[in-house]
Protein backbone atom coordinates (compact mmCIF):
# COMPACT_ATOMS: atom_id res chain seq x y z
CA MET A 1 35.84 16.18 -15.37
CA ARG A 2 35.83 14.61 -11.89
CA LYS A 3 33.00 12.22 -12.87
CA SER A 4 34.88 11.16 -16.01
CA LEU A 5 38.03 10.47 -14.02
CA ALA A 6 36.03 8.58 -11.42
CA CYS A 7 34.43 6.42 -14.15
CA ILE A 8 37.79 5.67 -15.76
CA PHE A 9 39.22 4.77 -12.36
CA ALA A 10 36.25 2.52 -11.51
CA LEU A 11 36.41 0.71 -14.86
CA SER A 12 40.16 0.27 -14.52
CA LEU A 13 39.70 -1.15 -11.03
CA ILE A 14 37.06 -3.58 -12.30
CA ALA A 15 39.38 -4.69 -15.10
CA ILE A 16 42.18 -5.31 -12.61
CA VAL A 17 39.95 -7.22 -10.17
CA VAL A 18 38.13 -9.47 -12.68
CA GLY A 19 40.94 -9.69 -15.20
CA PRO A 20 41.42 -8.47 -18.74
CA ASP A 21 39.50 -11.37 -20.33
CA SER A 22 36.30 -10.54 -18.43
CA VAL A 23 35.98 -6.81 -19.12
CA SER A 24 36.49 -5.03 -22.40
CA LEU A 25 36.93 -1.28 -22.18
CA SER A 26 37.36 -1.02 -25.94
CA ALA A 27 34.20 -0.27 -27.93
CA ASP A 28 35.75 -1.72 -31.09
CA LYS A 29 35.71 -5.21 -29.53
CA LEU A 30 31.95 -5.08 -29.00
CA SER A 31 30.20 -5.97 -32.24
CA VAL A 32 26.74 -4.74 -33.10
CA GLU A 33 24.64 -6.62 -35.67
CA TYR A 34 21.34 -5.38 -37.07
CA LEU A 35 19.31 -8.48 -37.85
CA ASN A 36 16.35 -8.97 -40.18
CA SER A 37 14.85 -12.05 -41.78
CA PRO A 38 14.14 -11.86 -45.53
CA ALA A 39 10.41 -11.58 -44.72
CA SER A 40 11.07 -8.69 -42.36
CA LYS A 41 13.30 -6.92 -44.89
CA ALA A 42 10.60 -7.29 -47.55
CA LEU A 43 8.18 -5.25 -45.41
CA GLY A 44 10.53 -2.25 -45.66
CA LEU A 45 9.93 -1.09 -42.09
CA PRO A 46 12.37 1.49 -40.63
CA PHE A 47 13.76 -0.72 -37.84
CA SER A 48 15.56 -4.01 -37.30
CA GLU A 49 13.60 -6.94 -35.90
CA ALA A 50 16.55 -7.65 -33.61
CA VAL A 51 19.90 -6.15 -32.69
CA ARG A 52 22.71 -8.29 -31.33
CA VAL A 53 25.30 -6.67 -29.06
CA GLY A 54 27.83 -9.21 -27.84
CA ASN A 55 25.79 -12.10 -26.47
CA MET A 56 22.66 -10.00 -25.91
CA LEU A 57 19.72 -9.87 -28.28
CA TYR A 58 17.32 -6.90 -28.24
CA LEU A 59 14.05 -7.56 -30.08
CA ALA A 60 11.82 -4.90 -31.58
CA GLY A 61 8.23 -4.93 -30.41
CA GLN A 62 6.16 -7.74 -31.87
CA VAL A 63 2.46 -7.45 -32.57
CA GLY A 64 0.15 -10.29 -33.54
CA ASN A 65 0.67 -9.99 -37.27
CA THR A 66 0.84 -12.86 -39.71
CA PRO A 67 4.58 -13.32 -40.36
CA GLY A 68 5.71 -11.39 -43.43
CA LYS A 69 2.46 -9.40 -43.65
CA LEU A 70 1.20 -6.17 -42.14
CA GLU A 71 -2.08 -7.84 -41.12
CA LEU A 72 -3.13 -8.79 -37.61
CA VAL A 73 -4.46 -12.28 -37.00
CA PRO A 74 -8.20 -12.27 -36.32
CA GLY A 75 -9.57 -13.03 -32.86
CA GLY A 76 -8.69 -10.08 -30.63
CA ILE A 77 -6.32 -10.00 -27.67
CA ARG A 78 -6.01 -13.77 -27.13
CA ALA A 79 -5.13 -14.57 -30.76
CA GLU A 80 -2.90 -11.51 -31.13
CA ALA A 81 -1.00 -12.25 -27.90
CA LYS A 82 -0.39 -15.84 -29.01
CA GLN A 83 0.82 -14.72 -32.44
CA ALA A 84 3.02 -11.96 -30.98
CA MET A 85 4.67 -14.50 -28.67
CA GLU A 86 5.14 -16.92 -31.59
CA ASN A 87 6.67 -14.10 -33.67
CA MET A 88 9.02 -13.25 -30.79
CA ASN A 89 9.99 -16.90 -30.34
CA ALA A 90 10.72 -17.30 -34.07
CA ILE A 91 13.06 -14.28 -34.05
CA LEU A 92 14.83 -15.53 -30.92
CA GLU A 93 15.37 -19.01 -32.38
CA ARG A 94 16.46 -17.65 -35.75
CA ASN A 95 19.18 -15.70 -33.94
CA GLY A 96 20.51 -18.39 -31.59
CA SER A 97 18.38 -17.83 -28.49
CA SER A 98 15.02 -18.97 -27.14
CA LEU A 99 12.26 -18.06 -24.73
CA ASP A 100 14.27 -19.90 -22.05
CA HIS A 101 16.94 -17.20 -22.38
CA VAL A 102 14.66 -14.12 -22.20
CA VAL A 103 15.63 -11.91 -19.26
CA LYS A 104 13.25 -8.94 -19.73
CA CYS A 105 9.95 -8.29 -21.51
CA THR A 106 8.03 -5.08 -21.98
CA VAL A 107 4.34 -5.43 -22.81
CA PHE A 108 2.17 -2.68 -24.25
CA LEU A 109 -1.60 -3.20 -24.08
CA ALA A 110 -4.23 -1.17 -25.89
CA ASP A 111 -6.55 -1.80 -22.94
CA MET A 112 -5.28 -2.71 -19.46
CA LYS A 113 -8.59 -4.50 -18.85
CA GLU A 114 -7.22 -7.21 -21.18
CA TRP A 115 -4.20 -7.80 -18.89
CA PRO A 116 -5.62 -11.03 -17.34
CA ILE A 117 -6.23 -12.54 -20.81
CA PHE A 118 -2.75 -11.53 -21.94
CA ASN A 119 -1.22 -13.06 -18.79
CA GLU A 120 -3.00 -16.35 -19.48
CA VAL A 121 -1.43 -16.55 -22.96
CA TYR A 122 1.96 -15.29 -21.72
CA ARG A 123 2.13 -18.00 -19.03
CA SER A 124 1.70 -20.70 -21.68
CA PHE A 125 4.99 -19.63 -23.34
CA PHE A 126 7.26 -19.57 -20.30
CA SER A 127 7.73 -22.88 -18.53
CA SER A 128 11.11 -22.78 -16.80
CA HIS A 129 11.12 -19.16 -15.59
CA PHE A 130 9.38 -15.83 -15.87
CA PRO A 131 11.52 -12.94 -17.14
CA ALA A 132 11.49 -9.55 -15.47
CA ARG A 133 8.60 -7.63 -17.03
CA SER A 134 6.95 -4.26 -17.34
CA SER A 135 3.42 -3.78 -18.67
CA LEU A 136 1.74 -0.56 -19.60
CA GLY A 137 -1.38 0.69 -21.29
CA THR A 138 -1.25 2.80 -24.44
CA THR A 139 -3.58 4.93 -26.48
CA GLY A 140 -2.69 3.11 -29.69
CA LEU A 141 -0.39 0.49 -31.22
CA ALA A 142 0.86 -0.20 -34.74
CA LEU A 143 -1.74 -1.73 -37.08
CA GLY A 144 -4.41 -1.15 -34.41
CA ALA A 145 -2.98 -4.07 -32.40
CA ARG A 146 -4.28 -5.02 -28.95
CA VAL A 147 -0.78 -5.96 -27.69
CA GLU A 148 2.91 -5.42 -28.49
CA ILE A 149 5.77 -7.27 -26.78
CA GLU A 150 9.49 -6.57 -26.85
CA CYS A 151 12.23 -8.48 -25.08
CA ILE A 152 15.89 -8.77 -24.23
CA ALA A 153 17.50 -12.21 -24.31
CA VAL A 154 20.88 -13.82 -23.84
CA ILE A 155 22.40 -15.82 -26.67
CA PRO A 156 23.96 -18.79 -24.89
CA SER A 157 27.51 -19.67 -25.80
CA LYS A 158 27.87 -22.89 -27.73
CA LYS A 159 29.31 -25.71 -25.65
CA LYS A 160 32.57 -27.09 -26.95
């Protein structure tokens, strides 16, 4: 009870300090959109390729599959990493963002020994900044992939 009251007090104080237009305490004002391209919907997978909450975009993990198919591109880690990044970029752009607006990436590798190769490909996609990032090794990824990448990005407001 004390923690709840403390949270309400803190949020109220923030609203007073920054003003009512900057902070919304009402959940009904925060829209959530579950986003899928027609190609993604056609695959019938049990998740959204992206979820938009306000001006934030949360992408599902992307593997190096040929868009619209449940098949990995041939060529191992280098080719899969490139395709996964291209898949991620396509989803971002389709939903009003871009790689320039990515703030956080999480990378899953089937073999951490392939980290240097992944980094080489990853660097070729980010030119103006590097997002915060976590990388970890796994014991298996969907479709037998070598890499999976998820990200969080900002959707910039349109200039008037």
